């Protein structure tokens, strides 16, 4: 099976799938739970792990500097990031 290349078109879906996988969920689970954002949560350490993965990926994909990648991650996190509950 060929590995799917991450690009500007699919990076948001990839990041959403990645964070859902971290909590044992899949994109298909969103369809079954319209309150998924409120029902599924991260721990602080999971959030940091996700951020450590996402920032370099954003830098590579968009050729961003770290400041721009952090700002883009913050936007993504506000839109789609799971809430933190320790």
PDB file of N, CA and C in Angstrom:
ATOM      1  N   UNK A   1       0.842  -1.175   0.000  1.00  0.00           N
ATOM      2  CA  UNK A   1       0.000   0.000   0.000  1.00  0.00           C
ATOM      3  C   UNK A   1       0.893   1.245   0.000  1.00  0.00           C
ATOM      4  N   UNK A   2       0.540   2.210  -0.827  1.00  0.00           N
ATOM      5  CA  UNK A   2       1.306   3.444  -0.935  1.00  0.00           C
ATOM      6  C   UNK A   2       0.930   4.397   0.198  1.00  0.00           C
ATOM      7  N   UNK A   3       1.952   4.976   0.806  1.00  0.00           N
ATOM      8  CA  UNK A   3       1.711   5.938   1.885  1.00  0.00           C
ATOM      9  C   UNK A   3       1.196   7.243   1.283  1.00  0.00           C
ATOM     10  N   UNK A   4       0.151   7.788   1.881  1.00  0.00           N
ATOM     11  CA  UNK A   4      -0.452   9.027   1.396  1.00  0.00           C
ATOM     12  C   UNK A   4       0.439  10.222   1.733  1.00  0.00           C
ATOM     13  N   UNK A   5       0.734  11.030   0.732  1.00  0.00           N
ATOM     14  CA  UNK A   5       1.559  12.212   0.931  1.00  0.00           C
ATOM     15  C   UNK A   5       0.736  13.323   1.565  1.00  0.00           C
ATOM     16  N   UNK A   6       1.302  13.947   2.590  1.00  0.00           N
ATOM     17  CA  UNK A   6       0.630  15.063   3.262  1.00  0.00           C
ATOM     18  C   UNK A   6       0.983  16.334   2.496  1.00  0.00           C
ATOM     19  N   UNK A   7      -0.054  17.077   2.110  1.00  0.00           N
ATOM     20  CA  UNK A   7       0.162  18.323   1.373  1.00  0.00           C
ATOM     21  C   UNK A   7      -0.786  19.400   1.894  1.00  0.00           C
ATOM     22  N   UNK A   8      -0.759  20.549   1.254  1.00  0.00           N
ATOM     23  CA  UNK A   8      -1.580  21.684   1.688  1.00  0.00           C
ATOM     24  C   UNK A   8      -3.079  21.382   1.641  1.00  0.00           C
ATOM     25  N   UNK A   9      -3.460  20.510   0.750  1.00  0.00           N
ATOM     26  CA  UNK A   9      -4.880  20.193   0.574  1.00  0.00           C
ATOM     27  C   UNK A   9      -5.415  19.289   1.673  1.00  0.00           C
ATOM     28  N   UNK A  10      -4.600  18.354   2.128  1.00  0.00           N
ATOM     29  CA  UNK A  10      -5.117  17.354   3.069  1.00  0.00           C
ATOM     30  C   UNK A  10      -4.543  17.434   4.481  1.00  0.00           C
ATOM     31  N   UNK A  11      -3.732  18.448   4.766  1.00  0.00           N
ATOM     32  CA  UNK A  11      -3.077  18.496   6.084  1.00  0.00           C
ATOM     33  C   UNK A  11      -4.077  18.672   7.229  1.00  0.00           C
ATOM     34  N   UNK A  12      -5.136  19.428   7.030  1.00  0.00           N
ATOM     35  CA  UNK A  12      -6.101  19.602   8.128  1.00  0.00           C
ATOM     36  C   UNK A  12      -6.795  18.283   8.444  1.00  0.00           C
ATOM     37  N   UNK A  13      -7.168  17.522   7.419  1.00  0.00           N
ATOM     38  CA  UNK A  13      -7.767  16.204   7.666  1.00  0.00           C
ATOM     39  C   UNK A  13      -6.767  15.285   8.344  1.00  0.00           C
ATOM     40  N   UNK A  14      -5.516  15.337   7.908  1.00  0.00           N
ATOM     41  CA  UNK A  14      -4.489  14.495   8.512  1.00  0.00           C
ATOM     42  C   UNK A  14      -4.319  14.821  10.000  1.00  0.00           C
ATOM     43  N   UNK A  15      -4.225  16.112  10.326  1.00  0.00           N
ATOM     44  CA  UNK A  15      -4.046  16.504  11.729  1.00  0.00           C
ATOM     45  C   UNK A  15      -5.257  16.128  12.576  1.00  0.00           C
ATOM     46  N   UNK A  16      -6.440  16.281  12.020  1.00  0.00           N
ATOM     47  CA  UNK A  16      -7.645  15.889  12.758  1.00  0.00           C
ATOM     48  C   UNK A  16      -7.644  14.384  13.001  1.00  0.00           C
ATOM     49  N   UNK A  17      -7.334  13.599  11.973  1.00  0.00           N
ATOM     50  CA  UNK A  17      -7.254  12.144  12.130  1.00  0.00           C
ATOM     51  C   UNK A  17      -6.190  11.761  13.154  1.00  0.00           C
ATOM     52  N   UNK A  18      -5.065  12.438  13.106  1.00  0.00           N
ATOM     53  CA  UNK A  18      -3.962  12.127  14.014  1.00  0.00           C
ATOM     54  C   UNK A  18      -4.380  12.344  15.467  1.00  0.00           C
ATOM     55  N   UNK A  19      -5.013  13.482  15.754  1.00  0.00           N
ATOM     56  CA  UNK A  19      -5.412  13.727  17.147  1.00  0.00           C
ATOM     57  C   UNK A  19      -6.526  12.780  17.573  1.00  0.00           C
ATOM     58  N   UNK A  20      -7.427  12.444  16.687  1.00  0.00           N
ATOM     59  CA  UNK A  20      -8.480  11.486  17.039  1.00  0.00           C
ATOM     60  C   UNK A  20      -7.880  10.117  17.339  1.00  0.00           C
ATOM     61  N   UNK A  21      -6.893   9.699  16.540  1.00  0.00           N
ATOM     62  CA  UNK A  21      -6.232   8.418  16.786  1.00  0.00           C
ATOM     63  C   UNK A  21      -5.565   8.397  18.156  1.00  0.00           C
ATOM     64  N   UNK A  22      -5.093   9.542  18.605  1.00  0.00           N
ATOM     65  CA  UNK A  22      -4.437   9.622  19.919  1.00  0.00           C
ATOM     66  C   UNK A  22      -5.406   9.299  21.061  1.00  0.00           C
ATOM     67  N   UNK A  23      -6.698   9.507  20.835  1.00  0.00           N
ATOM     68  CA  UNK A  23      -7.689   9.203  21.874  1.00  0.00           C
ATOM     69  C   UNK A  23      -8.534   7.980  21.506  1.00  0.00           C
ATOM     70  N   UNK A  24      -8.038   7.196  20.544  1.00  0.00           N
ATOM     71  CA  UNK A  24      -8.704   5.949  20.187  1.00  0.00           C
ATOM     72  C   UNK A  24      -9.952   6.111  19.338  1.00  0.00           C
ATOM     73  N   UNK A  25     -10.044   7.202  18.604  1.00  0.00           N
ATOM     74  CA  UNK A  25     -11.213   7.443  17.744  1.00  0.00           C
ATOM     75  C   UNK A  25     -10.778   7.548  16.289  1.00  0.00           C
ATOM     76  N   UNK A  26     -11.761   7.496  15.395  1.00  0.00           N
ATOM     77  CA  UNK A  26     -11.527   7.648  13.954  1.00  0.00           C
ATOM     78  C   UNK A  26     -12.478   8.698  13.409  1.00  0.00           C
ATOM     79  N   UNK A  27     -12.185   9.177  12.203  1.00  0.00           N
ATOM     80  CA  UNK A  27     -13.027  10.206  11.582  1.00  0.00           C
ATOM     81  C   UNK A  27     -14.483   9.738  11.474  1.00  0.00           C
ATOM     82  N   UNK A  28     -14.694   8.475  11.214  1.00  0.00           N
ATOM     83  CA  UNK A  28     -16.053   7.952  11.069  1.00  0.00           C
ATOM     84  C   UNK A  28     -16.852   8.115  12.361  1.00  0.00           C
ATOM     85  N   UNK A  29     -16.158   8.117  13.500  1.00  0.00           N
ATOM     86  CA  UNK A  29     -16.830   8.276  14.798  1.00  0.00           C
ATOM     87  C   UNK A  29     -17.462   9.656  14.946  1.00  0.00           C
ATOM     88  N   UNK A  30     -16.938  10.646  14.229  1.00  0.00           N
ATOM     89  CA  UNK A  30     -17.507  11.996  14.277  1.00  0.00           C
ATOM     90  C   UNK A  30     -18.932  11.995  13.735  1.00  0.00           C
ATOM     91  N   UNK A  31     -19.166  11.166  12.726  1.00  0.00           N
ATOM     92  CA  UNK A  31     -20.498  11.105  12.112  1.00  0.00           C
ATOM     93  C   UNK A  31     -21.544  10.569  13.082  1.00  0.00           C
ATOM     94  N   UNK A  32     -21.116   9.711  13.999  1.00  0.00           N
ATOM     95  CA  UNK A  32     -22.038   9.105  14.951  1.00  0.00           C
ATOM     96  C   UNK A  32     -22.254   9.945  16.210  1.00  0.00           C
ATOM     97  N   UNK A  33     -21.450  10.983  16.391  1.00  0.00           N
ATOM     98  CA  UNK A  33     -21.514  11.772  17.617  1.00  0.00           C
ATOM     99  C   UNK A  33     -21.392  13.257  17.267  1.00  0.00           C
ATOM    100  N   UNK A  34     -22.517  13.941  17.131  1.00  0.00           N
ATOM    101  CA  UNK A  34     -22.474  15.352  16.731  1.00  0.00           C
ATOM    102  C   UNK A  34     -21.956  16.258  17.856  1.00  0.00           C
ATOM    103  N   UNK A  35     -21.742  15.705  19.033  1.00  0.00           N
ATOM    104  CA  UNK A  35     -21.157  16.466  20.139  1.00  0.00           C
ATOM    105  C   UNK A  35     -19.757  15.960  20.453  1.00  0.00           C
ATOM    106  N   UNK A  36     -19.075  15.413  19.445  1.00  0.00           N
ATOM    107  CA  UNK A  36     -17.753  14.824  19.640  1.00  0.00           C
ATOM    108  C   UNK A  36     -16.780  15.797  20.279  1.00  0.00           C
ATOM    109  N   UNK A  37     -16.867  17.063  19.914  1.00  0.00           N
ATOM    110  CA  UNK A  37     -15.941  18.045  20.446  1.00  0.00           C
ATOM    111  C   UNK A  37     -16.079  18.163  21.970  1.00  0.00           C
ATOM    112  N   UNK A  38     -17.280  18.018  22.471  1.00  0.00           N
ATOM    113  CA  UNK A  38     -17.529  18.143  23.909  1.00  0.00           C
ATOM    114  C   UNK A  38     -17.313  16.825  24.650  1.00  0.00           C
ATOM    115  N   UNK A  39     -17.459  15.725  23.946  1.00  0.00           N
ATOM    116  CA  UNK A  39     -17.399  14.409  24.587  1.00  0.00           C
ATOM    117  C   UNK A  39     -15.991  13.820  24.657  1.00  0.00           C
ATOM    118  N   UNK A  40     -15.123  14.171  23.746  1.00  0.00           N
ATOM    119  CA  UNK A  40     -13.779  13.584  23.699  1.00  0.00           C
ATOM    120  C   UNK A  40     -12.762  14.614  24.158  1.00  0.00           C
ATOM    121  N   UNK A  41     -11.828  14.184  24.976  1.00  0.00           N
ATOM    122  CA  UNK A  41     -10.853  15.117  25.530  1.00  0.00           C
ATOM    123  C   UNK A  41      -9.444  14.546  25.459  1.00  0.00           C
ATOM    124  N   UNK A  42      -8.471  15.454  25.577  1.00  0.00           N
ATOM    125  CA  UNK A  42      -7.042  15.171  25.646  1.00  0.00           C
ATOM    126  C   UNK A  42      -6.577  15.357  27.077  1.00  0.00           C
ATOM    127  N   UNK A  43      -5.428  14.793  27.386  1.00  0.00           N
ATOM    128  CA  UNK A  43      -4.715  15.202  28.591  1.00  0.00           C
ATOM    129  C   UNK A  43      -3.729  16.293  28.164  1.00  0.00           C
ATOM    130  N   UNK A  44      -3.172  16.997  29.109  1.00  0.00           N
ATOM    131  CA  UNK A  44      -2.180  18.033  28.792  1.00  0.00           C
ATOM    132  C   UNK A  44      -0.988  17.442  28.057  1.00  0.00           C
ATOM    133  N   UNK A  45      -0.548  16.276  28.481  1.00  0.00           N
ATOM    134  CA  UNK A  45       0.612  15.655  27.832  1.00  0.00           C
ATOM    135  C   UNK A  45       0.283  15.216  26.407  1.00  0.00           C
ATOM    136  N   UNK A  46      -0.944  14.738  26.165  1.00  0.00           N
ATOM    137  CA  UNK A  46      -1.346  14.392  24.800  1.00  0.00           C
ATOM    138  C   UNK A  46      -1.375  15.630  23.912  1.00  0.00           C
ATOM    139  N   UNK A  47      -1.855  16.741  24.452  1.00  0.00           N
ATOM    140  CA  UNK A  47      -1.908  17.990  23.691  1.00  0.00           C
ATOM    141  C   UNK A  47      -0.503  18.429  23.308  1.00  0.00           C
ATOM    142  N   UNK A  48       0.442  18.342  24.248  1.00  0.00           N
ATOM    143  CA  UNK A  48       1.834  18.716  23.961  1.00  0.00           C
ATOM    144  C   UNK A  48       2.454  17.781  22.931  1.00  0.00           C
ATOM    145  N   UNK A  49       2.147  16.493  23.028  1.00  0.00           N
ATOM    146  CA  UNK A  49       2.644  15.516  22.048  1.00  0.00           C
ATOM    147  C   UNK A  49       2.095  15.835  20.655  1.00  0.00           C
ATOM    148  N   UNK A  50       0.816  16.158  20.585  1.00  0.00           N
ATOM    149  CA  UNK A  50       0.195  16.506  19.308  1.00  0.00           C
ATOM    150  C   UNK A  50       0.814  17.778  18.738  1.00  0.00           C
ATOM    151  N   UNK A  51       1.005  18.765  19.585  1.00  0.00           N
ATOM    152  CA  UNK A  51       1.607  20.029  19.137  1.00  0.00           C
ATOM    153  C   UNK A  51       3.034  19.800  18.630  1.00  0.00           C
ATOM    154  N   UNK A  52       3.791  18.960  19.330  1.00  0.00           N
ATOM    155  CA  UNK A  52       5.165  18.650  18.915  1.00  0.00           C
ATOM    156  C   UNK A  52       5.195  17.943  17.561  1.00  0.00           C
ATOM    157  N   UNK A  53       4.143  17.213  17.242  1.00  0.00           N
ATOM    158  CA  UNK A  53       4.038  16.573  15.929  1.00  0.00           C
ATOM    159  C   UNK A  53       3.591  17.578  14.867  1.00  0.00           C
ATOM    160  N   UNK A  54       2.596  18.397  15.196  1.00  0.00           N
ATOM    161  CA  UNK A  54       1.950  19.266  14.207  1.00  0.00           C
ATOM    162  C   UNK A  54       2.816  20.443  13.764  1.00  0.00           C
ATOM    163  N   UNK A  55       3.523  21.087  14.675  1.00  0.00           N
ATOM    164  CA  UNK A  55       4.299  22.289  14.335  1.00  0.00           C
ATOM    165  C   UNK A  55       5.346  22.003  13.253  1.00  0.00           C
ATOM    166  N   UNK A  56       6.211  20.992  13.432  1.00  0.00           N
ATOM    167  CA  UNK A  56       7.183  20.711  12.365  1.00  0.00           C
ATOM    168  C   UNK A  56       6.524  20.296  11.044  1.00  0.00           C
ATOM    169  N   UNK A  57       5.399  19.590  11.141  1.00  0.00           N
ATOM    170  CA  UNK A  57       4.697  19.188   9.920  1.00  0.00           C
ATOM    171  C   UNK A  57       4.152  20.411   9.182  1.00  0.00           C
ATOM    172  N   UNK A  58       3.596  21.368   9.908  1.00  0.00           N
ATOM    173  CA  UNK A  58       3.132  22.610   9.288  1.00  0.00           C
ATOM    174  C   UNK A  58       4.293  23.379   8.668  1.00  0.00           C
ATOM    175  N   UNK A  59       5.421  23.419   9.372  1.00  0.00           N
ATOM    176  CA  UNK A  59       6.595  24.111   8.842  1.00  0.00           C
ATOM    177  C   UNK A  59       7.044  23.479   7.527  1.00  0.00           C
ATOM    178  N   UNK A  60       7.086  22.170   7.495  1.00  0.00           N
ATOM    179  CA  UNK A  60       7.544  21.467   6.295  1.00  0.00           C
ATOM    180  C   UNK A  60       6.550  21.617   5.148  1.00  0.00           C
ATOM    181  N   UNK A  61       5.277  21.428   5.430  1.00  0.00           N
ATOM    182  CA  UNK A  61       4.248  21.434   4.383  1.00  0.00           C
ATOM    183  C   UNK A  61       4.083  22.809   3.754  1.00  0.00           C
ATOM    184  N   UNK A  62       4.056  23.855   4.577  1.00  0.00           N
ATOM    185  CA  UNK A  62       3.807  25.205   4.072  1.00  0.00           C
ATOM    186  C   UNK A  62       5.075  26.051   3.951  1.00  0.00           C
ATOM    187  N   UNK A  63       6.212  25.455   4.349  1.00  0.00           N
ATOM    188  CA  UNK A  63       7.476  26.197   4.355  1.00  0.00           C
ATOM    189  C   UNK A  63       7.368  27.444   5.249  1.00  0.00           C
ATOM    190  N   UNK A  64       6.712  27.253   6.400  1.00  0.00           N
ATOM    191  CA  UNK A  64       6.524  28.305   7.388  1.00  0.00           C
ATOM    192  C   UNK A  64       7.746  28.393   8.295  1.00  0.00           C
ATOM    193  N   UNK A  65       7.950  29.590   8.878  1.00  0.00           N
ATOM    194  CA  UNK A  65       8.874  29.662  10.008  1.00  0.00           C
ATOM    195  C   UNK A  65       8.106  29.203  11.249  1.00  0.00           C
ATOM    196  N   UNK A  66       8.810  29.064  12.367  1.00  0.00           N
ATOM    197  CA  UNK A  66       8.179  28.518  13.572  1.00  0.00           C
ATOM    198  C   UNK A  66       7.054  29.408  14.102  1.00  0.00           C
ATOM    199  N   UNK A  67       7.213  30.718  14.001  1.00  0.00           N
ATOM    200  CA  UNK A  67       6.182  31.645  14.478  1.00  0.00           C
ATOM    201  C   UNK A  67       4.886  31.458  13.701  1.00  0.00           C
ATOM    202  N   UNK A  68       4.990  31.390  12.391  1.00  0.00           N
ATOM    203  CA  UNK A  68       3.803  31.214  11.546  1.00  0.00           C
ATOM    204  C   UNK A  68       3.185  29.831  11.774  1.00  0.00           C
ATOM    205  N   UNK A  69       4.021  28.810  11.949  1.00  0.00           N
ATOM    206  CA  UNK A  69       3.512  27.460  12.217  1.00  0.00           C
ATOM    207  C   UNK A  69       2.767  27.421  13.551  1.00  0.00           C
ATOM    208  N   UNK A  70       3.291  28.104  14.566  1.00  0.00           N
ATOM    209  CA  UNK A  70       2.603  28.179  15.863  1.00  0.00           C
ATOM    210  C   UNK A  70       1.259  28.885  15.743  1.00  0.00           C
ATOM    211  N   UNK A  71       1.216  29.967  14.975  1.00  0.00           N
ATOM    212  CA  UNK A  71      -0.037  30.707  14.777  1.00  0.00           C
ATOM    213  C   UNK A  71      -1.055  29.845  14.036  1.00  0.00           C
ATOM    214  N   UNK A  72      -0.596  29.115  13.041  1.00  0.00           N
ATOM    215  CA  UNK A  72      -1.489  28.245  12.273  1.00  0.00           C
ATOM    216  C   UNK A  72      -1.993  27.102  13.142  1.00  0.00           C
ATOM    217  N   UNK A  73      -1.118  26.550  13.975  1.00  0.00           N
ATOM    218  CA  UNK A  73      -1.546  25.498  14.892  1.00  0.00           C
ATOM    219  C   UNK A  73      -2.582  26.030  15.873  1.00  0.00           C
ATOM    220  N   UNK A  74      -2.375  27.239  16.374  1.00  0.00           N
ATOM    221  CA  UNK A  74      -3.331  27.837  17.311  1.00  0.00           C
ATOM    222  C   UNK A  74      -4.703  27.980  16.661  1.00  0.00           C
ATOM    223  N   UNK A  75      -4.726  28.385  15.391  1.00  0.00           N
ATOM    224  CA  UNK A  75      -5.998  28.490  14.671  1.00  0.00           C
ATOM    225  C   UNK A  75      -6.642  27.114  14.544  1.00  0.00           C
ATOM    226  N   UNK A  76      -5.857  26.114  14.121  1.00  0.00           N
ATOM    227  CA  UNK A  76      -6.380  24.749  13.985  1.00  0.00           C
ATOM    228  C   UNK A  76      -6.921  24.258  15.322  1.00  0.00           C
ATOM    229  N   UNK A  77      -6.161  24.501  16.385  1.00  0.00           N
ATOM    230  CA  UNK A  77      -6.558  24.039  17.708  1.00  0.00           C
ATOM    231  C   UNK A  77      -7.866  24.681  18.156  1.00  0.00           C
ATOM    232  N   UNK A  78      -8.053  25.953  17.861  1.00  0.00           N
ATOM    233  CA  UNK A  78      -9.313  26.619  18.208  1.00  0.00           C
ATOM    234  C   UNK A  78     -10.493  26.042  17.421  1.00  0.00           C
ATOM    235  N   UNK A  79     -10.245  25.693  16.176  1.00  0.00           N
ATOM    236  CA  UNK A  79     -11.314  25.171  15.323  1.00  0.00           C
ATOM    237  C   UNK A  79     -11.636  23.700  15.597  1.00  0.00           C
ATOM    238  N   UNK A  80     -10.580  22.875  15.744  1.00  0.00           N
ATOM    239  CA  UNK A  80     -10.784  21.425  15.759  1.00  0.00           C
ATOM    240  C   UNK A  80     -10.116  20.709  16.920  1.00  0.00           C
ATOM    241  N   UNK A  81      -9.349  21.417  17.720  1.00  0.00           N
ATOM    242  CA  UNK A  81      -8.599  20.759  18.795  1.00  0.00           C
ATOM    243  C   UNK A  81      -9.494  20.230  19.893  1.00  0.00           C
ATOM    244  N   UNK A  82      -9.110  19.081  20.410  1.00  0.00           N
ATOM    245  CA  UNK A  82      -9.857  18.508  21.522  1.00  0.00           C
ATOM    246  C   UNK A  82      -9.577  19.296  22.798  1.00  0.00           C
ATOM    247  N   UNK A  83     -10.561  19.337  23.664  1.00  0.00           N
ATOM    248  CA  UNK A  83     -10.409  20.043  24.936  1.00  0.00           C
ATOM    249  C   UNK A  83      -9.482  19.256  25.848  1.00  0.00           C
ATOM    250  N   UNK A  84      -8.870  19.965  26.791  1.00  0.00           N
ATOM    251  CA  UNK A  84      -7.974  19.315  27.744  1.00  0.00           C
ATOM    252  C   UNK A  84      -8.746  19.024  29.018  1.00  0.00           C
ATOM    253  N   UNK A  85      -8.624  17.772  29.465  1.00  0.00           N
ATOM    254  CA  UNK A  85      -9.224  17.374  30.731  1.00  0.00           C
ATOM    255  C   UNK A  85      -8.270  16.361  31.357  1.00  0.00           C
ATOM    256  N   UNK A  86      -7.649  16.735  32.446  1.00  0.00           N
ATOM    257  CA  UNK A  86      -6.665  15.841  33.084  1.00  0.00           C
ATOM    258  C   UNK A  86      -7.302  14.918  34.085  1.00  0.00           C
TER     259      UNK A  86
END
